[in-house]
């Protein structure tokens, strides 16, 4: 295993074992659930949106290291972003894990999940939180 692969594995495991932003969010303006029936992963994503910006993001749920670390890193990354900026990050993340595109620099630690593109069974795990984010943003957008 290369040094880079080892670093990526370590990043994923750190977030999976001690996820950031884990737990319900009191005062959330949006709450969205997600479920991957093929493996049983579940997530509840909580956002507090103020003036079109994600002031706070948290999640609860259970699942594999990939789904939990993806949710952990995602909630770190989207805090403080506008809804449009968060959607742009979601597109870049999915381009990386679904289409195998090189990671965008803005994804930061999420680049650790770039190898998922080669593991088709794990793509749904990695994108679970991001699909919930997309749905949450749709609900948070003014009509």
N, C-alpha and C. Protein backbone atom coordinates (compact mmCIF):
# COMPACT_ATOMS: atom_id res chain seq x y z
N UNK A 1 0.85 -1.17 0.00
CA UNK A 1 0.00 0.00 0.00
C UNK A 1 0.89 1.24 0.00
N UNK A 2 0.54 2.20 -0.83
CA UNK A 2 1.34 3.42 -0.90
C UNK A 2 1.09 4.30 0.31
N UNK A 3 1.98 5.25 0.52
CA UNK A 3 1.84 6.19 1.63
C UNK A 3 0.55 6.99 1.51
N UNK A 4 0.21 7.39 0.28
CA UNK A 4 -1.01 8.16 0.06
C UNK A 4 -2.25 7.33 0.40
N UNK A 5 -2.26 6.06 -0.01
CA UNK A 5 -3.40 5.18 0.30
C UNK A 5 -3.53 5.00 1.81
N UNK A 6 -2.40 4.87 2.49
CA UNK A 6 -2.41 4.72 3.94
C UNK A 6 -2.97 5.98 4.62
N UNK A 7 -2.57 7.13 4.13
CA UNK A 7 -3.07 8.40 4.67
C UNK A 7 -4.58 8.51 4.46
N UNK A 8 -5.04 8.14 3.27
CA UNK A 8 -6.47 8.18 2.98
C UNK A 8 -7.23 7.24 3.91
N UNK A 9 -6.71 6.03 4.07
CA UNK A 9 -7.38 5.05 4.94
C UNK A 9 -7.46 5.59 6.37
N UNK A 10 -6.38 6.20 6.84
CA UNK A 10 -6.35 6.76 8.19
C UNK A 10 -7.38 7.87 8.36
N UNK A 11 -7.49 8.75 7.37
CA UNK A 11 -8.47 9.84 7.41
C UNK A 11 -9.89 9.30 7.49
N UNK A 12 -10.19 8.32 6.66
CA UNK A 12 -11.53 7.71 6.64
C UNK A 12 -11.83 7.08 7.99
N UNK A 13 -10.90 6.33 8.53
CA UNK A 13 -11.14 5.64 9.80
C UNK A 13 -11.27 6.62 10.97
N UNK A 14 -10.50 7.69 10.97
CA UNK A 14 -10.62 8.69 12.04
C UNK A 14 -12.02 9.29 12.05
N UNK A 15 -12.53 9.65 10.87
CA UNK A 15 -13.87 10.24 10.80
C UNK A 15 -14.95 9.22 11.11
N UNK A 16 -14.74 7.96 10.75
CA UNK A 16 -15.73 6.93 11.01
C UNK A 16 -15.80 6.59 12.50
N UNK A 17 -14.65 6.53 13.16
CA UNK A 17 -14.62 6.16 14.57
C UNK A 17 -14.98 7.32 15.50
N UNK A 18 -14.65 8.52 15.10
CA UNK A 18 -14.96 9.71 15.90
C UNK A 18 -15.53 10.79 14.97
N UNK A 19 -16.75 10.56 14.50
CA UNK A 19 -17.31 11.50 13.52
C UNK A 19 -17.49 12.90 14.11
N UNK A 20 -17.19 13.87 13.29
CA UNK A 20 -17.42 15.26 13.65
C UNK A 20 -18.90 15.57 13.46
N UNK A 21 -19.42 16.48 14.24
CA UNK A 21 -20.78 16.99 14.08
C UNK A 21 -21.84 15.90 14.20
N UNK A 22 -21.58 14.88 15.03
CA UNK A 22 -22.52 13.79 15.20
C UNK A 22 -23.47 14.09 16.34
N UNK A 23 -24.75 13.97 16.07
CA UNK A 23 -25.79 14.20 17.07
C UNK A 23 -26.84 15.12 16.51
N UNK A 24 -28.02 15.10 17.08
CA UNK A 24 -29.09 15.94 16.58
C UNK A 24 -28.76 17.42 16.76
N UNK A 25 -29.42 18.24 16.00
CA UNK A 25 -29.22 19.69 16.04
C UNK A 25 -30.50 20.37 16.50
N UNK A 26 -30.44 20.89 17.70
CA UNK A 26 -31.59 21.63 18.22
C UNK A 26 -31.77 22.91 17.40
N UNK A 27 -32.99 23.18 17.03
CA UNK A 27 -33.27 24.38 16.25
C UNK A 27 -32.98 24.24 14.77
N UNK A 28 -32.83 23.01 14.29
CA UNK A 28 -32.58 22.79 12.86
C UNK A 28 -33.75 23.33 12.06
N UNK A 29 -33.44 23.97 10.95
CA UNK A 29 -34.50 24.47 10.07
C UNK A 29 -34.88 23.42 9.02
N UNK A 30 -33.98 22.45 8.81
CA UNK A 30 -34.25 21.36 7.86
C UNK A 30 -33.71 20.07 8.45
N UNK A 31 -34.51 19.00 8.33
CA UNK A 31 -34.08 17.67 8.74
C UNK A 31 -34.48 16.70 7.64
N UNK A 32 -33.51 15.94 7.15
CA UNK A 32 -33.77 15.03 6.04
C UNK A 32 -33.15 13.68 6.36
N UNK A 33 -33.86 12.62 6.03
CA UNK A 33 -33.35 11.28 6.23
C UNK A 33 -32.89 10.65 4.94
N UNK A 34 -31.96 9.73 5.06
CA UNK A 34 -31.49 8.97 3.91
C UNK A 34 -31.25 7.54 4.32
N UNK A 35 -31.46 6.62 3.38
CA UNK A 35 -31.31 5.19 3.66
C UNK A 35 -30.77 4.51 2.42
N UNK A 36 -29.80 3.64 2.63
CA UNK A 36 -29.26 2.83 1.56
C UNK A 36 -29.74 1.40 1.80
N UNK A 37 -30.81 0.97 1.13
CA UNK A 37 -31.38 -0.35 1.41
C UNK A 37 -30.45 -1.51 1.06
N UNK A 38 -29.48 -1.29 0.18
CA UNK A 38 -28.61 -2.39 -0.20
C UNK A 38 -27.66 -2.82 0.92
N UNK A 39 -27.38 -1.88 1.87
CA UNK A 39 -26.47 -2.27 2.96
C UNK A 39 -26.99 -1.88 4.34
N UNK A 40 -28.07 -1.11 4.40
CA UNK A 40 -28.66 -0.75 5.68
C UNK A 40 -28.17 0.57 6.27
N UNK A 41 -27.24 1.26 5.60
CA UNK A 41 -26.78 2.55 6.11
C UNK A 41 -27.96 3.52 6.21
N UNK A 42 -27.96 4.29 7.28
CA UNK A 42 -28.99 5.31 7.49
C UNK A 42 -28.35 6.60 7.97
N UNK A 43 -28.98 7.71 7.62
CA UNK A 43 -28.50 9.01 8.08
C UNK A 43 -29.68 9.95 8.25
N UNK A 44 -29.58 10.81 9.24
CA UNK A 44 -30.48 11.95 9.41
C UNK A 44 -29.57 13.16 9.35
N UNK A 45 -29.83 14.06 8.44
CA UNK A 45 -29.04 15.27 8.29
C UNK A 45 -29.84 16.45 8.81
N UNK A 46 -29.20 17.25 9.65
CA UNK A 46 -29.83 18.42 10.24
C UNK A 46 -29.06 19.66 9.78
N UNK A 47 -29.78 20.63 9.26
CA UNK A 47 -29.16 21.90 8.88
C UNK A 47 -29.87 23.05 9.57
N UNK A 48 -29.11 24.04 9.96
CA UNK A 48 -29.67 25.32 10.40
C UNK A 48 -29.25 26.32 9.33
N UNK A 49 -30.23 26.77 8.56
CA UNK A 49 -29.98 27.69 7.46
C UNK A 49 -30.44 29.08 7.88
N UNK A 50 -29.52 30.04 7.78
CA UNK A 50 -29.82 31.43 8.12
C UNK A 50 -29.37 32.32 6.98
N UNK A 51 -30.30 33.09 6.44
CA UNK A 51 -30.01 34.02 5.34
C UNK A 51 -29.32 33.33 4.17
N UNK A 52 -29.80 32.14 3.81
CA UNK A 52 -29.27 31.43 2.66
C UNK A 52 -27.91 30.78 2.88
N UNK A 53 -27.48 30.72 4.12
CA UNK A 53 -26.16 30.16 4.46
C UNK A 53 -26.34 29.05 5.49
N UNK A 54 -25.54 28.00 5.39
CA UNK A 54 -25.61 26.89 6.34
C UNK A 54 -24.83 27.29 7.59
N UNK A 55 -25.56 27.68 8.62
CA UNK A 55 -24.93 28.12 9.86
C UNK A 55 -24.43 26.94 10.68
N UNK A 56 -25.13 25.81 10.58
CA UNK A 56 -24.76 24.63 11.36
C UNK A 56 -25.22 23.40 10.60
N UNK A 57 -24.43 22.32 10.70
CA UNK A 57 -24.77 21.05 10.07
C UNK A 57 -24.36 19.92 11.01
N UNK A 58 -25.28 18.99 11.22
CA UNK A 58 -25.00 17.83 12.08
C UNK A 58 -25.69 16.62 11.46
N UNK A 59 -25.34 15.45 11.94
CA UNK A 59 -25.98 14.24 11.43
C UNK A 59 -26.02 13.17 12.53
N UNK A 60 -26.95 12.25 12.36
CA UNK A 60 -27.01 11.04 13.17
C UNK A 60 -27.18 9.88 12.20
N UNK A 61 -26.99 8.69 12.69
CA UNK A 61 -27.20 7.52 11.85
C UNK A 61 -26.21 6.43 12.16
N UNK A 62 -26.22 5.43 11.31
CA UNK A 62 -25.30 4.32 11.46
C UNK A 62 -25.01 3.75 10.09
N UNK A 63 -23.87 3.09 9.99
CA UNK A 63 -23.50 2.49 8.73
C UNK A 63 -22.02 2.20 8.67
N UNK A 64 -21.56 1.95 7.50
CA UNK A 64 -20.16 1.58 7.28
C UNK A 64 -19.25 2.79 7.44
N UNK A 65 -17.96 2.52 7.49
CA UNK A 65 -16.96 3.57 7.66
C UNK A 65 -17.05 4.61 6.54
N UNK A 66 -17.35 4.17 5.34
CA UNK A 66 -17.41 5.10 4.21
C UNK A 66 -18.58 6.07 4.36
N UNK A 67 -19.76 5.56 4.69
CA UNK A 67 -20.92 6.46 4.81
C UNK A 67 -20.77 7.42 5.98
N UNK A 68 -20.27 6.93 7.08
CA UNK A 68 -20.14 7.79 8.27
C UNK A 68 -19.02 8.82 8.11
N UNK A 69 -17.90 8.42 7.53
CA UNK A 69 -16.81 9.38 7.33
C UNK A 69 -17.19 10.42 6.28
N UNK A 70 -17.91 10.02 5.26
CA UNK A 70 -18.36 10.97 4.25
C UNK A 70 -19.27 12.02 4.87
N UNK A 71 -20.20 11.58 5.72
CA UNK A 71 -21.11 12.52 6.40
C UNK A 71 -20.34 13.44 7.33
N UNK A 72 -19.38 12.90 8.05
CA UNK A 72 -18.57 13.69 8.97
C UNK A 72 -17.80 14.79 8.24
N UNK A 73 -17.10 14.39 7.19
CA UNK A 73 -16.32 15.37 6.42
C UNK A 73 -17.21 16.37 5.70
N UNK A 74 -18.36 15.91 5.21
CA UNK A 74 -19.28 16.80 4.52
C UNK A 74 -19.80 17.89 5.46
N UNK A 75 -20.21 17.49 6.67
CA UNK A 75 -20.75 18.50 7.59
C UNK A 75 -19.68 19.50 8.00
N UNK A 76 -18.43 19.07 8.10
CA UNK A 76 -17.34 20.02 8.34
C UNK A 76 -17.24 21.03 7.21
N UNK A 77 -17.30 20.52 5.98
CA UNK A 77 -17.05 21.33 4.80
C UNK A 77 -18.15 22.34 4.49
N UNK A 78 -19.40 21.98 4.72
CA UNK A 78 -20.50 22.84 4.27
C UNK A 78 -20.86 23.95 5.25
N UNK A 79 -20.37 23.87 6.48
CA UNK A 79 -20.67 24.93 7.44
C UNK A 79 -20.17 26.27 6.94
N UNK A 80 -21.05 27.25 7.02
CA UNK A 80 -20.70 28.60 6.59
C UNK A 80 -20.88 28.85 5.11
N UNK A 81 -21.17 27.81 4.35
CA UNK A 81 -21.34 27.96 2.90
C UNK A 81 -22.77 28.38 2.58
N UNK A 82 -22.92 29.07 1.46
CA UNK A 82 -24.27 29.36 0.98
C UNK A 82 -24.85 28.06 0.45
N UNK A 83 -26.16 28.06 0.24
CA UNK A 83 -26.80 26.86 -0.31
C UNK A 83 -26.25 26.53 -1.69
N UNK A 84 -26.01 27.56 -2.50
CA UNK A 84 -25.46 27.33 -3.84
C UNK A 84 -24.04 26.79 -3.77
N UNK A 85 -23.23 27.29 -2.85
CA UNK A 85 -21.86 26.78 -2.69
C UNK A 85 -21.88 25.32 -2.25
N UNK A 86 -22.79 24.97 -1.35
CA UNK A 86 -22.91 23.59 -0.88
C UNK A 86 -23.33 22.67 -2.03
N UNK A 87 -24.24 23.13 -2.88
CA UNK A 87 -24.66 22.34 -4.05
C UNK A 87 -23.50 22.13 -5.02
N UNK A 88 -22.69 23.15 -5.17
CA UNK A 88 -21.52 23.03 -6.05
C UNK A 88 -20.53 22.00 -5.50
N UNK A 89 -20.35 21.99 -4.18
CA UNK A 89 -19.48 20.98 -3.55
C UNK A 89 -20.05 19.58 -3.74
N UNK A 90 -21.37 19.48 -3.64
CA UNK A 90 -22.03 18.18 -3.84
C UNK A 90 -21.77 17.67 -5.25
N UNK A 91 -21.84 18.54 -6.24
CA UNK A 91 -21.59 18.15 -7.63
C UNK A 91 -20.14 17.69 -7.80
N UNK A 92 -19.21 18.40 -7.18
CA UNK A 92 -17.79 18.05 -7.30
C UNK A 92 -17.49 16.73 -6.59
N UNK A 93 -18.13 16.51 -5.45
CA UNK A 93 -17.92 15.25 -4.74
C UNK A 93 -18.45 14.08 -5.56
N UNK A 94 -19.65 14.23 -6.10
CA UNK A 94 -20.23 13.14 -6.90
C UNK A 94 -19.44 12.92 -8.18
N UNK A 95 -18.91 13.95 -8.78
CA UNK A 95 -18.07 13.78 -9.97
C UNK A 95 -16.86 12.92 -9.62
N UNK A 96 -16.33 13.11 -8.41
CA UNK A 96 -15.16 12.34 -7.98
C UNK A 96 -15.52 10.88 -7.71
N UNK A 97 -16.57 10.63 -6.92
CA UNK A 97 -16.84 9.24 -6.51
C UNK A 97 -17.72 8.46 -7.49
N UNK A 98 -18.52 9.15 -8.26
CA UNK A 98 -19.40 8.45 -9.21
C UNK A 98 -18.72 8.33 -10.58
N UNK A 99 -18.15 9.45 -11.04
CA UNK A 99 -17.58 9.48 -12.38
C UNK A 99 -16.07 9.25 -12.42
N UNK A 100 -15.43 9.22 -11.25
CA UNK A 100 -13.99 8.98 -11.20
C UNK A 100 -13.14 10.18 -11.56
N UNK A 101 -13.73 11.38 -11.49
CA UNK A 101 -12.97 12.60 -11.77
C UNK A 101 -11.92 12.83 -10.69
N UNK A 102 -10.83 13.52 -11.01
CA UNK A 102 -9.86 13.86 -9.96
C UNK A 102 -10.53 14.76 -8.91
N UNK A 103 -10.10 14.66 -7.66
CA UNK A 103 -10.74 15.47 -6.62
C UNK A 103 -10.47 16.96 -6.81
N UNK A 104 -11.52 17.75 -6.63
CA UNK A 104 -11.37 19.21 -6.66
C UNK A 104 -10.68 19.64 -5.37
N UNK A 105 -9.79 20.61 -5.43
CA UNK A 105 -9.07 21.05 -4.23
C UNK A 105 -10.00 21.47 -3.08
N UNK A 106 -11.16 22.01 -3.42
CA UNK A 106 -12.10 22.47 -2.39
C UNK A 106 -12.64 21.34 -1.53
N UNK A 107 -12.53 20.11 -1.99
CA UNK A 107 -13.06 18.98 -1.24
C UNK A 107 -12.20 18.61 -0.04
N UNK A 108 -10.99 19.08 0.01
CA UNK A 108 -10.13 18.85 1.17
C UNK A 108 -10.00 17.37 1.50
N UNK A 109 -10.25 17.02 2.78
CA UNK A 109 -10.12 15.64 3.25
C UNK A 109 -11.01 14.66 2.51
N UNK A 110 -12.08 15.14 1.91
CA UNK A 110 -12.97 14.25 1.18
C UNK A 110 -12.27 13.56 0.01
N UNK A 111 -11.13 14.09 -0.41
CA UNK A 111 -10.37 13.42 -1.47
C UNK A 111 -9.95 12.02 -1.04
N UNK A 112 -9.96 11.76 0.27
CA UNK A 112 -9.65 10.42 0.78
C UNK A 112 -10.63 9.37 0.24
N UNK A 113 -11.80 9.81 -0.20
CA UNK A 113 -12.82 8.89 -0.69
C UNK A 113 -12.77 8.71 -2.21
N UNK A 114 -11.76 9.24 -2.88
CA UNK A 114 -11.71 9.15 -4.34
C UNK A 114 -11.64 7.71 -4.83
N UNK A 115 -11.06 6.81 -4.06
CA UNK A 115 -10.97 5.41 -4.47
C UNK A 115 -12.30 4.70 -4.54
N UNK A 116 -13.33 5.28 -3.95
CA UNK A 116 -14.67 4.68 -3.98
C UNK A 116 -15.16 4.53 -5.42
N UNK A 117 -14.71 5.39 -6.30
CA UNK A 117 -15.15 5.31 -7.70
C UNK A 117 -14.82 3.94 -8.30
N UNK A 118 -13.80 3.27 -7.77
CA UNK A 118 -13.42 1.95 -8.26
C UNK A 118 -14.19 0.83 -7.56
N UNK A 119 -14.92 1.17 -6.52
CA UNK A 119 -15.68 0.19 -5.73
C UNK A 119 -17.17 0.48 -5.88
N UNK A 120 -17.74 0.08 -6.99
CA UNK A 120 -19.11 0.47 -7.34
C UNK A 120 -20.13 0.18 -6.24
N UNK A 121 -19.93 -0.89 -5.49
CA UNK A 121 -20.87 -1.22 -4.42
C UNK A 121 -20.83 -0.19 -3.29
N UNK A 122 -19.75 0.60 -3.20
CA UNK A 122 -19.60 1.57 -2.12
C UNK A 122 -19.99 3.00 -2.51
N UNK A 123 -20.29 3.22 -3.77
CA UNK A 123 -20.65 4.57 -4.22
C UNK A 123 -21.88 5.07 -3.48
N UNK A 124 -22.89 4.21 -3.31
CA UNK A 124 -24.10 4.61 -2.60
C UNK A 124 -23.80 4.95 -1.14
N UNK A 125 -22.83 4.27 -0.55
CA UNK A 125 -22.43 4.56 0.84
C UNK A 125 -21.84 5.96 0.93
N UNK A 126 -20.94 6.27 0.01
CA UNK A 126 -20.24 7.55 0.02
C UNK A 126 -21.17 8.72 -0.30
N UNK A 127 -22.18 8.48 -1.13
CA UNK A 127 -23.05 9.58 -1.56
C UNK A 127 -24.32 9.72 -0.70
N UNK A 128 -24.52 8.84 0.26
CA UNK A 128 -25.74 8.87 1.07
C UNK A 128 -25.95 10.25 1.72
N UNK A 129 -24.96 10.76 2.40
CA UNK A 129 -25.09 12.06 3.07
C UNK A 129 -25.27 13.19 2.06
N UNK A 130 -24.60 13.06 0.93
CA UNK A 130 -24.67 14.10 -0.10
C UNK A 130 -26.04 14.12 -0.77
N UNK A 131 -26.66 12.96 -0.94
CA UNK A 131 -28.03 12.93 -1.46
C UNK A 131 -28.98 13.59 -0.47
N UNK A 132 -28.76 13.34 0.82
CA UNK A 132 -29.58 13.99 1.85
C UNK A 132 -29.36 15.50 1.82
N UNK A 133 -28.12 15.93 1.61
CA UNK A 133 -27.83 17.36 1.52
C UNK A 133 -28.57 18.00 0.36
N UNK A 134 -28.55 17.33 -0.79
CA UNK A 134 -29.26 17.86 -1.95
C UNK A 134 -30.75 18.04 -1.66
N UNK A 135 -31.35 17.05 -1.02
CA UNK A 135 -32.76 17.13 -0.66
C UNK A 135 -33.00 18.23 0.37
N UNK A 136 -32.11 18.36 1.34
CA UNK A 136 -32.25 19.39 2.38
C UNK A 136 -32.17 20.79 1.77
N UNK A 137 -31.27 20.97 0.83
CA UNK A 137 -31.13 22.28 0.18
C UNK A 137 -32.39 22.61 -0.61
N UNK A 138 -32.95 21.61 -1.29
CA UNK A 138 -34.20 21.83 -2.03
C UNK A 138 -35.30 22.30 -1.07
N UNK A 139 -35.37 21.67 0.11
CA UNK A 139 -36.38 22.06 1.09
C UNK A 139 -36.11 23.43 1.69
N UNK A 140 -34.84 23.80 1.80
CA UNK A 140 -34.47 25.08 2.42
C UNK A 140 -34.58 26.25 1.48
N UNK A 141 -34.58 25.98 0.16
CA UNK A 141 -34.65 27.07 -0.83
C UNK A 141 -36.01 27.77 -0.71
N UNK A 142 -35.97 29.09 -0.78
CA UNK A 142 -37.26 29.80 -0.80
C UNK A 142 -38.04 29.46 -2.07
N UNK A 143 -39.36 29.28 -1.92
CA UNK A 143 -40.14 28.89 -3.09
C UNK A 143 -40.52 30.04 -3.97
